[in-house]
Structure formats: structure tokens, C-alpha cells
């Protein structure tokens, strides 16, 4: 019988990821106060994607999963990005 190995993240790694998430949250708030025109949405989505990537990789342990699961998660995010991009083009050309 095959047993699944559970990965235990070190306190140092969890602390570094938390510090990065807090820093990115600070950057998000700081950038939201700057008027970048149409780039505001792009920067906000880029920062949100980066933060979600950290959460998914480390706190949901995707970093330690097999390649097939990583591929499926990547495909899901790619499809989501395509849908969001289509929405932006639809709104931009109305």
C-alpha cells in the first residue's frame, strides 16, 4: 500500500512567505493611491496574481505536488486569464 508523504513547511519559509505577502499588500495599497490610468487594473491584477501564486504554492503545498497537478492548475489559471482578457477587450471597445 502506497502512503502519501506530507510535506511540512519550515517556520522560516512560512515567515518569509508571510513577509512577502505583507510587502505585496503594502505595494498594492501604495499603487492604488497613484493614478496610472488604464494601467491601474493591470498592476492590481498582476499584484493579486503574484500574491495568489505565493498562497497556492506554499500554503496549499502545490510546490511539492507532482507535475500533472501543477499542469492542471496552470491550465485553469490560463483559461481564467483568457476570460479576463476577453472581458477587458469587450469593455475597452464599446
N, C-alpha and C. Protein backbone atom coordinates (compact mmCIF):
# COMPACT_ATOMS: atom_id res chain seq x y z
N UNK A 1 0.84 -1.18 0.00
CA UNK A 1 0.00 0.00 0.00
C UNK A 1 0.88 1.24 0.00
N UNK A 2 0.57 2.16 -0.88
CA UNK A 2 1.37 3.37 -1.01
C UNK A 2 0.83 4.45 -0.08
N UNK A 3 1.72 5.08 0.65
CA UNK A 3 1.32 6.15 1.56
C UNK A 3 1.74 7.49 0.97
N UNK A 4 0.88 8.45 1.10
CA UNK A 4 1.21 9.79 0.64
C UNK A 4 2.13 10.46 1.64
N UNK A 5 3.16 11.09 1.14
CA UNK A 5 4.07 11.82 2.01
C UNK A 5 3.55 13.23 2.17
N UNK A 6 3.49 13.69 3.40
CA UNK A 6 3.07 15.06 3.67
C UNK A 6 4.30 15.92 3.85
N UNK A 7 4.28 17.06 3.22
CA UNK A 7 5.40 17.98 3.35
C UNK A 7 5.10 18.96 4.46
N UNK A 8 6.06 19.15 5.33
CA UNK A 8 5.91 20.10 6.42
C UNK A 8 6.80 21.29 6.11
N UNK A 9 6.19 22.45 5.99
CA UNK A 9 6.93 23.67 5.65
C UNK A 9 7.61 24.19 6.92
N UNK A 10 8.84 24.64 6.78
CA UNK A 10 9.57 25.16 7.93
C UNK A 10 9.00 26.51 8.35
N UNK A 11 9.26 26.86 9.57
CA UNK A 11 8.79 28.15 10.10
C UNK A 11 9.47 29.30 9.35
N UNK A 12 10.72 29.11 8.99
CA UNK A 12 11.45 30.15 8.26
C UNK A 12 10.80 30.42 6.91
N UNK A 13 10.45 29.36 6.18
CA UNK A 13 9.80 29.51 4.87
C UNK A 13 8.44 30.18 5.02
N UNK A 14 7.66 29.74 5.99
CA UNK A 14 6.34 30.33 6.22
C UNK A 14 6.46 31.81 6.58
N UNK A 15 7.46 32.15 7.38
CA UNK A 15 7.67 33.55 7.76
C UNK A 15 8.07 34.39 6.56
N UNK A 16 8.96 33.85 5.71
CA UNK A 16 9.37 34.59 4.51
C UNK A 16 8.20 34.80 3.55
N UNK A 17 7.38 33.78 3.39
CA UNK A 17 6.21 33.92 2.51
C UNK A 17 5.24 34.93 3.09
N UNK A 18 5.01 34.88 4.39
CA UNK A 18 4.13 35.86 5.04
C UNK A 18 4.68 37.27 4.87
N UNK A 19 5.99 37.44 5.05
CA UNK A 19 6.59 38.77 4.87
C UNK A 19 6.42 39.26 3.44
N UNK A 20 6.58 38.36 2.47
CA UNK A 20 6.39 38.74 1.07
C UNK A 20 4.94 39.12 0.80
N UNK A 21 4.00 38.38 1.36
CA UNK A 21 2.58 38.71 1.17
C UNK A 21 2.24 40.05 1.80
N UNK A 22 2.78 40.32 2.97
CA UNK A 22 2.53 41.62 3.60
C UNK A 22 3.16 42.75 2.80
N UNK A 23 4.37 42.53 2.28
CA UNK A 23 5.02 43.53 1.45
C UNK A 23 4.21 43.80 0.18
N UNK A 24 3.74 42.74 -0.47
CA UNK A 24 2.94 42.91 -1.69
C UNK A 24 1.60 43.60 -1.39
N UNK A 25 1.04 43.34 -0.22
CA UNK A 25 -0.18 44.05 0.18
C UNK A 25 0.10 45.53 0.36
N UNK A 26 1.23 45.86 0.98
CA UNK A 26 1.63 47.26 1.13
C UNK A 26 1.82 47.91 -0.23
N UNK A 27 2.47 47.20 -1.16
CA UNK A 27 2.67 47.73 -2.51
C UNK A 27 1.32 47.93 -3.21
N UNK A 28 0.39 47.00 -3.01
CA UNK A 28 -0.94 47.14 -3.61
C UNK A 28 -1.64 48.40 -3.12
N UNK A 29 -1.58 48.64 -1.82
CA UNK A 29 -2.22 49.84 -1.26
C UNK A 29 -1.51 51.09 -1.77
N UNK A 30 -0.19 51.07 -1.82
CA UNK A 30 0.56 52.24 -2.28
C UNK A 30 0.27 52.55 -3.75
N UNK A 31 0.21 51.51 -4.58
CA UNK A 31 -0.03 51.72 -6.01
C UNK A 31 -1.47 52.17 -6.25
N UNK A 32 -2.39 51.74 -5.40
CA UNK A 32 -3.79 52.14 -5.60
C UNK A 32 -4.00 53.64 -5.40
N UNK A 33 -3.09 54.27 -4.72
CA UNK A 33 -3.21 55.72 -4.50
C UNK A 33 -2.58 56.55 -5.62
N UNK A 34 -1.95 55.87 -6.57
CA UNK A 34 -1.32 56.54 -7.70
C UNK A 34 -2.20 56.35 -8.93
N UNK A 35 -2.44 57.44 -9.66
CA UNK A 35 -3.27 57.35 -10.86
C UNK A 35 -2.40 56.94 -12.05
N UNK A 36 -2.58 55.71 -12.49
CA UNK A 36 -1.82 55.20 -13.63
C UNK A 36 -2.69 55.07 -14.87
N UNK A 37 -3.89 55.58 -14.80
CA UNK A 37 -4.80 55.47 -15.94
C UNK A 37 -5.30 54.05 -16.09
N UNK A 38 -5.27 53.55 -17.32
CA UNK A 38 -5.76 52.19 -17.57
C UNK A 38 -4.82 51.12 -16.99
N UNK A 39 -3.61 51.51 -16.62
CA UNK A 39 -2.66 50.54 -16.06
C UNK A 39 -2.99 50.16 -14.62
N UNK A 40 -3.87 50.92 -13.95
CA UNK A 40 -4.25 50.58 -12.58
C UNK A 40 -4.78 49.16 -12.48
N UNK A 41 -5.64 48.78 -13.39
CA UNK A 41 -6.24 47.46 -13.35
C UNK A 41 -5.19 46.39 -13.64
N UNK A 42 -4.31 46.66 -14.58
CA UNK A 42 -3.28 45.68 -14.94
C UNK A 42 -2.32 45.47 -13.77
N UNK A 43 -1.89 46.55 -13.13
CA UNK A 43 -0.98 46.44 -11.99
C UNK A 43 -1.67 45.73 -10.83
N UNK A 44 -2.92 46.07 -10.57
CA UNK A 44 -3.66 45.43 -9.48
C UNK A 44 -3.82 43.93 -9.73
N UNK A 45 -4.13 43.55 -10.96
CA UNK A 45 -4.27 42.13 -11.28
C UNK A 45 -2.93 41.41 -11.20
N UNK A 46 -1.86 42.06 -11.62
CA UNK A 46 -0.53 41.44 -11.54
C UNK A 46 -0.13 41.20 -10.09
N UNK A 47 -0.38 42.19 -9.23
CA UNK A 47 -0.06 42.01 -7.81
C UNK A 47 -0.93 40.94 -7.17
N UNK A 48 -2.22 40.92 -7.50
CA UNK A 48 -3.11 39.91 -6.95
C UNK A 48 -2.72 38.51 -7.43
N UNK A 49 -2.31 38.40 -8.68
CA UNK A 49 -1.87 37.11 -9.21
C UNK A 49 -0.60 36.64 -8.51
N UNK A 50 0.32 37.55 -8.26
CA UNK A 50 1.55 37.19 -7.56
C UNK A 50 1.26 36.72 -6.15
N UNK A 51 0.37 37.44 -5.45
CA UNK A 51 0.02 37.03 -4.09
C UNK A 51 -0.69 35.68 -4.08
N UNK A 52 -1.59 35.47 -5.02
CA UNK A 52 -2.28 34.18 -5.06
C UNK A 52 -1.32 33.05 -5.42
N UNK A 53 -0.32 33.34 -6.23
CA UNK A 53 0.68 32.34 -6.57
C UNK A 53 1.46 31.90 -5.32
N UNK A 54 1.85 32.86 -4.48
CA UNK A 54 2.52 32.51 -3.23
C UNK A 54 1.64 31.65 -2.33
N UNK A 55 0.37 32.02 -2.22
CA UNK A 55 -0.55 31.25 -1.37
C UNK A 55 -0.73 29.84 -1.91
N UNK A 56 -0.93 29.73 -3.21
CA UNK A 56 -1.16 28.40 -3.80
C UNK A 56 0.10 27.54 -3.71
N UNK A 57 1.25 28.12 -4.00
CA UNK A 57 2.48 27.32 -3.99
C UNK A 57 2.88 26.86 -2.60
N UNK A 58 2.80 27.76 -1.62
CA UNK A 58 3.35 27.42 -0.31
C UNK A 58 2.29 26.97 0.69
N UNK A 59 1.22 27.73 0.85
CA UNK A 59 0.23 27.38 1.87
C UNK A 59 -0.69 26.26 1.42
N UNK A 60 -0.88 26.10 0.11
CA UNK A 60 -1.67 24.98 -0.39
C UNK A 60 -0.77 23.86 -0.90
N UNK A 61 0.53 24.00 -0.72
CA UNK A 61 1.56 22.99 -0.99
C UNK A 61 1.62 22.53 -2.45
N UNK A 62 1.24 23.36 -3.38
CA UNK A 62 1.33 22.98 -4.78
C UNK A 62 2.79 22.83 -5.23
N UNK A 63 3.67 23.54 -4.58
CA UNK A 63 5.09 23.47 -4.92
C UNK A 63 5.63 22.05 -4.78
N UNK A 64 5.04 21.28 -3.89
CA UNK A 64 5.55 19.95 -3.59
C UNK A 64 4.71 18.84 -4.23
N UNK A 65 3.78 19.19 -5.11
CA UNK A 65 2.94 18.19 -5.78
C UNK A 65 3.59 17.72 -7.07
N UNK A 66 2.96 16.74 -7.70
CA UNK A 66 3.52 16.21 -8.95
C UNK A 66 3.24 17.16 -10.11
N UNK A 67 3.91 16.91 -11.21
CA UNK A 67 3.85 17.82 -12.36
C UNK A 67 2.47 17.85 -13.02
N UNK A 68 1.75 16.75 -12.97
CA UNK A 68 0.43 16.71 -13.61
C UNK A 68 -0.55 17.66 -12.91
N UNK A 69 -0.55 17.67 -11.60
CA UNK A 69 -1.43 18.59 -10.87
C UNK A 69 -1.03 20.04 -11.12
N UNK A 70 0.27 20.29 -11.16
CA UNK A 70 0.75 21.65 -11.47
C UNK A 70 0.28 22.08 -12.85
N UNK A 71 0.31 21.17 -13.81
CA UNK A 71 -0.14 21.48 -15.16
C UNK A 71 -1.63 21.82 -15.18
N UNK A 72 -2.44 21.04 -14.47
CA UNK A 72 -3.88 21.31 -14.44
C UNK A 72 -4.19 22.66 -13.79
N UNK A 73 -3.49 23.00 -12.72
CA UNK A 73 -3.70 24.30 -12.08
C UNK A 73 -3.28 25.42 -13.01
N UNK A 74 -2.16 25.24 -13.72
CA UNK A 74 -1.71 26.25 -14.68
C UNK A 74 -2.74 26.44 -15.79
N UNK A 75 -3.30 25.34 -16.29
CA UNK A 75 -4.31 25.44 -17.35
C UNK A 75 -5.54 26.19 -16.85
N UNK A 76 -5.94 25.94 -15.62
CA UNK A 76 -7.09 26.67 -15.05
C UNK A 76 -6.82 28.16 -14.98
N UNK A 77 -5.62 28.53 -14.54
CA UNK A 77 -5.28 29.95 -14.47
C UNK A 77 -5.15 30.56 -15.86
N UNK A 78 -4.67 29.81 -16.81
CA UNK A 78 -4.57 30.30 -18.18
C UNK A 78 -5.96 30.57 -18.76
N UNK A 79 -6.89 29.66 -18.54
CA UNK A 79 -8.27 29.86 -19.01
C UNK A 79 -8.89 31.08 -18.32
N UNK A 80 -8.66 31.23 -17.02
CA UNK A 80 -9.17 32.40 -16.30
C UNK A 80 -8.58 33.68 -16.87
N UNK A 81 -7.28 33.68 -17.17
CA UNK A 81 -6.64 34.87 -17.75
C UNK A 81 -7.21 35.19 -19.12
N UNK A 82 -7.51 34.18 -19.91
CA UNK A 82 -8.11 34.41 -21.22
C UNK A 82 -9.49 35.04 -21.07
N UNK A 83 -10.29 34.53 -20.14
CA UNK A 83 -11.62 35.10 -19.93
C UNK A 83 -11.55 36.55 -19.43
N UNK A 84 -10.63 36.83 -18.53
CA UNK A 84 -10.49 38.20 -18.03
C UNK A 84 -10.00 39.10 -19.16
N UNK A 85 -9.07 38.62 -19.98
CA UNK A 85 -8.59 39.41 -21.12
C UNK A 85 -9.70 39.69 -22.11
N UNK A 86 -10.54 38.70 -22.39
CA UNK A 86 -11.67 38.91 -23.31
C UNK A 86 -12.63 39.96 -22.75
N UNK A 87 -12.83 39.93 -21.44
CA UNK A 87 -13.71 40.92 -20.81
C UNK A 87 -13.14 42.32 -20.96
N UNK A 88 -11.83 42.46 -20.77
CA UNK A 88 -11.20 43.78 -20.92
C UNK A 88 -11.32 44.29 -22.35
N UNK A 89 -11.11 43.43 -23.32
CA UNK A 89 -11.23 43.87 -24.71
C UNK A 89 -12.67 44.25 -25.03
N UNK A 90 -13.63 43.52 -24.48
CA UNK A 90 -15.02 43.83 -24.72
C UNK A 90 -15.38 45.20 -24.14
N UNK A 91 -14.93 45.46 -22.94
CA UNK A 91 -15.23 46.74 -22.30
C UNK A 91 -14.47 47.88 -22.97
N UNK A 92 -13.24 47.64 -23.39
CA UNK A 92 -12.41 48.69 -23.99
C UNK A 92 -12.95 49.17 -25.33
N UNK A 93 -13.59 48.31 -26.09
CA UNK A 93 -14.04 48.68 -27.43
C UNK A 93 -15.53 48.91 -27.53
N UNK A 94 -16.16 49.25 -26.45
CA UNK A 94 -17.59 49.59 -26.50
C UNK A 94 -17.77 51.04 -26.75
